Amino acid sequence: MRNGGTLPLPPYGAAVLDAVRNRRPVNTFIMAGPDAWNRHKNRSDRVVLPPDTSPDDFDWRIFRGCSPTIIGDDADHVRLKRLAWILLRAGAKLVCVIFDDGGVTRAVFYRNG
């Protein structure tokens, strides 16, 4: 599915797009890292940034005006920070990135403006 651009939506992004179009509240998590598919577990409030893909491979404009949370592994921090920047450029208001290395969890917040 396309969102008026040349890039596909991230996996399961159609549910987010539907919620935004129908003005339903959007509180969405973006699962990233090697365990991303398992973390999704068929939940409608989660999209996936598949392992071995770049955040640049997808159209993230579905998060315009939203405040998504990215959950991923600390070892993937460069890719997760890149995704946060792309989300802000696409119009997200606030992005929370939760880095989890299995023992220590930390959150970093990014915002527009």
C-alpha atoms as a PDB file:
ATOM      1  CA  MET A   1       0.000   0.000   0.000  1.00  0.00           C
ATOM      2  CA  ARG A   2       1.234   3.482  -0.821  1.00  0.00           C
ATOM      3  CA  ASN A   3       0.572   6.736   0.971  1.00  0.00           C
ATOM      4  CA  GLY A   4       0.611   9.150  -1.959  1.00  0.00           C
ATOM      5  CA  GLY A   5       4.401   8.864  -2.208  1.00  0.00           C
ATOM      6  CA  THR A   6       6.921   6.607  -3.804  1.00  0.00           C
ATOM      7  CA  LEU A   7       7.731   4.554  -0.712  1.00  0.00           C
ATOM      8  CA  PRO A   8       5.615   1.826   0.907  1.00  0.00           C
ATOM      9  CA  LEU A   9       4.161   2.170   4.365  1.00  0.00           C
ATOM     10  CA  PRO A  10       6.014   0.268   7.085  1.00  0.00           C
ATOM     11  CA  PRO A  11       4.591  -3.190   7.834  1.00  0.00           C
ATOM     12  CA  TYR A  12       1.201  -2.818   9.545  1.00  0.00           C
ATOM     13  CA  GLY A  13       1.186   0.916   8.798  1.00  0.00           C
ATOM     14  CA  ALA A  14      -2.205   0.694   7.088  1.00  0.00           C
ATOM     15  CA  ALA A  15      -3.916   0.407  10.490  1.00  0.00           C
ATOM     16  CA  VAL A  16      -2.257   3.646  11.624  1.00  0.00           C
ATOM     17  CA  LEU A  17      -3.214   5.374   8.394  1.00  0.00           C
ATOM     18  CA  ASP A  18      -6.819   4.220   8.826  1.00  0.00           C
ATOM     19  CA  ALA A  19      -6.931   5.557  12.410  1.00  0.00           C
ATOM     20  CA  VAL A  20      -5.510   8.923  11.353  1.00  0.00           C
ATOM     21  CA  ARG A  21      -7.911   9.232   8.423  1.00  0.00           C
ATOM     22  CA  ASN A  22     -10.863   8.420  10.688  1.00  0.00           C
ATOM     23  CA  ARG A  23      -9.636  10.785  13.420  1.00  0.00           C
ATOM     24  CA  ARG A  24      -9.245   8.023  15.981  1.00  0.00           C
ATOM     25  CA  PRO A  25      -6.575   8.467  18.672  1.00  0.00           C
ATOM     26  CA  VAL A  26      -3.212   7.116  17.619  1.00  0.00           C
ATOM     27  CA  ASN A  27      -0.822   5.817  20.272  1.00  0.00           C
ATOM     28  CA  THR A  28       1.554   3.725  18.236  1.00  0.00           C
ATOM     29  CA  PHE A  29       4.684   1.742  18.904  1.00  0.00           C
ATOM     30  CA  ILE A  30       7.305   1.034  16.248  1.00  0.00           C
ATOM     31  CA  MET A  31       9.046  -2.262  16.889  1.00  0.00           C
ATOM     32  CA  ALA A  32      12.656  -2.421  15.671  1.00  0.00           C
ATOM     33  CA  GLY A  33      15.631  -4.721  16.029  1.00  0.00           C
ATOM     34  CA  PRO A  34      16.074  -8.461  15.608  1.00  0.00           C
ATOM     35  CA  ASP A  35      13.023  -9.269  17.754  1.00  0.00           C
ATOM     36  CA  ALA A  36      10.723  -6.761  16.005  1.00  0.00           C
ATOM     37  CA  TRP A  37       8.339  -9.316  14.500  1.00  0.00           C
ATOM     38  CA  ASN A  38       7.896 -11.127  17.838  1.00  0.00           C
ATOM     39  CA  ARG A  39       7.271  -7.853  19.637  1.00  0.00           C
ATOM     40  CA  HIS A  40       4.516  -6.970  17.170  1.00  0.00           C
ATOM     41  CA  LYS A  41       2.356 -10.012  17.984  1.00  0.00           C
ATOM     42  CA  ASN A  42      -0.530  -8.932  15.720  1.00  0.00           C
ATOM     43  CA  ARG A  43      -1.363  -5.818  17.724  1.00  0.00           C
ATOM     44  CA  SER A  44      -2.997  -2.993  15.816  1.00  0.00           C
ATOM     45  CA  ASP A  45      -1.106  -0.317  17.760  1.00  0.00           C
ATOM     46  CA  ARG A  46       2.291  -1.537  16.535  1.00  0.00           C
ATOM     47  CA  VAL A  47       4.126  -1.230  13.252  1.00  0.00           C
ATOM     48  CA  VAL A  48       7.455  -2.843  12.417  1.00  0.00           C
ATOM     49  CA  LEU A  49      10.781  -1.577  11.142  1.00  0.00           C
ATOM     50  CA  PRO A  50      12.045  -4.943   9.910  1.00  0.00           C
ATOM     51  CA  PRO A  51      15.600  -6.015  10.703  1.00  0.00           C
ATOM     52  CA  ASP A  52      18.021  -5.429   7.835  1.00  0.00           C
ATOM     53  CA  THR A  53      15.998  -2.512   6.458  1.00  0.00           C
ATOM     54  CA  SER A  54      16.643   1.192   6.603  1.00  0.00           C
ATOM     55  CA  PRO A  55      14.126   3.685   7.984  1.00  0.00           C
ATOM     56  CA  ASP A  56      14.596   5.421   4.615  1.00  0.00           C
ATOM     57  CA  ASP A  57      12.864   2.453   2.926  1.00  0.00           C
ATOM     58  CA  PHE A  58       9.389   3.456   4.172  1.00  0.00           C
ATOM     59  CA  ASP A  59       6.909   6.325   4.116  1.00  0.00           C
ATOM     60  CA  TRP A  60       6.507   7.521   7.720  1.00  0.00           C
ATOM     61  CA  ARG A  61       4.165  10.461   6.993  1.00  0.00           C
ATOM     62  CA  ILE A  62       1.338   8.456   8.578  1.00  0.00           C
ATOM     63  CA  PHE A  63       2.738   9.704  11.901  1.00  0.00           C
ATOM     64  CA  ARG A  64       2.249  13.395  11.064  1.00  0.00           C
ATOM     65  CA  GLY A  65       0.782  15.029  14.174  1.00  0.00           C
ATOM     66  CA  CYS A  66       1.323  11.880  16.266  1.00  0.00           C
ATOM     67  CA  SER A  67       3.786  10.987  19.029  1.00  0.00           C
ATOM     68  CA  PRO A  68       5.048   7.457  18.335  1.00  0.00           C
ATOM     69  CA  THR A  69       7.291   5.367  20.583  1.00  0.00           C
ATOM     70  CA  ILE A  70      10.124   3.356  19.042  1.00  0.00           C
ATOM     71  CA  ILE A  71      11.186   0.227  20.924  1.00  0.00           C
ATOM     72  CA  GLY A  72      14.427  -1.460  19.941  1.00  0.00           C
ATOM     73  CA  ASP A  73      17.785  -2.820  20.971  1.00  0.00           C
ATOM     74  CA  ASP A  74      20.582  -0.582  22.180  1.00  0.00           C
ATOM     75  CA  ALA A  75      22.896  -2.171  19.608  1.00  0.00           C
ATOM     76  CA  ASP A  76      20.640  -0.688  16.908  1.00  0.00           C
ATOM     77  CA  HIS A  77      20.860   2.873  18.275  1.00  0.00           C
ATOM     78  CA  VAL A  78      22.134   4.527  15.072  1.00  0.00           C
ATOM     79  CA  ARG A  79      19.215   3.175  13.029  1.00  0.00           C
ATOM     80  CA  LEU A  80      16.694   4.067  15.745  1.00  0.00           C
ATOM     81  CA  LYS A  81      17.978   7.638  15.997  1.00  0.00           C
ATOM     82  CA  ARG A  82      17.754   7.896  12.209  1.00  0.00           C
ATOM     83  CA  LEU A  83      14.131   6.724  12.379  1.00  0.00           C
ATOM     84  CA  ALA A  84      13.363   9.319  15.079  1.00  0.00           C
ATOM     85  CA  TRP A  85      14.788  12.071  12.864  1.00  0.00           C
ATOM     86  CA  ILE A  86      12.783  10.836   9.856  1.00  0.00           C
ATOM     87  CA  LEU A  87       9.584  10.742  11.937  1.00  0.00           C
ATOM     88  CA  LEU A  88      10.114  14.329  13.094  1.00  0.00           C
ATOM     89  CA  ARG A  89      10.797  15.431   9.529  1.00  0.00           C
ATOM     90  CA  ALA A  90       7.569  13.680   8.506  1.00  0.00           C
ATOM     91  CA  GLY A  91       5.635  15.779  11.039  1.00  0.00           C
ATOM     92  CA  ALA A  92       5.572  13.760  14.263  1.00  0.00           C
ATOM     93  CA  LYS A  93       5.210  16.020  17.299  1.00  0.00           C
ATOM     94  CA  LEU A  94       7.273  13.991  19.742  1.00  0.00           C
ATOM     95  CA  VAL A  95       9.198  10.742  19.371  1.00  0.00           C
ATOM     96  CA  CYS A  96      10.238   8.560  22.295  1.00  0.00           C
ATOM     97  CA  VAL A  97      12.977   6.003  21.627  1.00  0.00           C
ATOM     98  CA  ILE A  98      13.277   3.211  24.180  1.00  0.00           C
ATOM     99  CA  PHE A  99      16.607   1.425  24.009  1.00  0.00           C
ATOM    100  CA  ASP A 100      16.617  -1.990  25.675  1.00  0.00           C
ATOM    101  CA  ASP A 101      19.756  -4.073  25.981  1.00  0.00           C
ATOM    102  CA  GLY A 102      18.152  -6.779  28.087  1.00  0.00           C
ATOM    103  CA  GLY A 103      19.413  -5.380  31.376  1.00  0.00           C
ATOM    104  CA  VAL A 104      19.177  -1.609  31.236  1.00  0.00           C
ATOM    105  CA  THR A 105      16.362   0.270  29.571  1.00  0.00           C
ATOM    106  CA  ARG A 106      16.661   3.950  28.736  1.00  0.00           C
ATOM    107  CA  ALA A 107      14.400   6.403  26.949  1.00  0.00           C
ATOM    108  CA  VAL A 108      15.359   9.380  24.811  1.00  0.00           C
ATOM    109  CA  PHE A 109      12.829  11.965  23.670  1.00  0.00           C
ATOM    110  CA  TYR A 110      13.014  13.988  20.460  1.00  0.00           C
ATOM    111  CA  ARG A 111      10.596  16.749  19.531  1.00  0.00           C
ATOM    112  CA  ASN A 112       9.899  19.203  16.762  1.00  0.00           C
ATOM    113  CA  GLY A 113      10.553  22.846  17.413  1.00  0.00           C
END
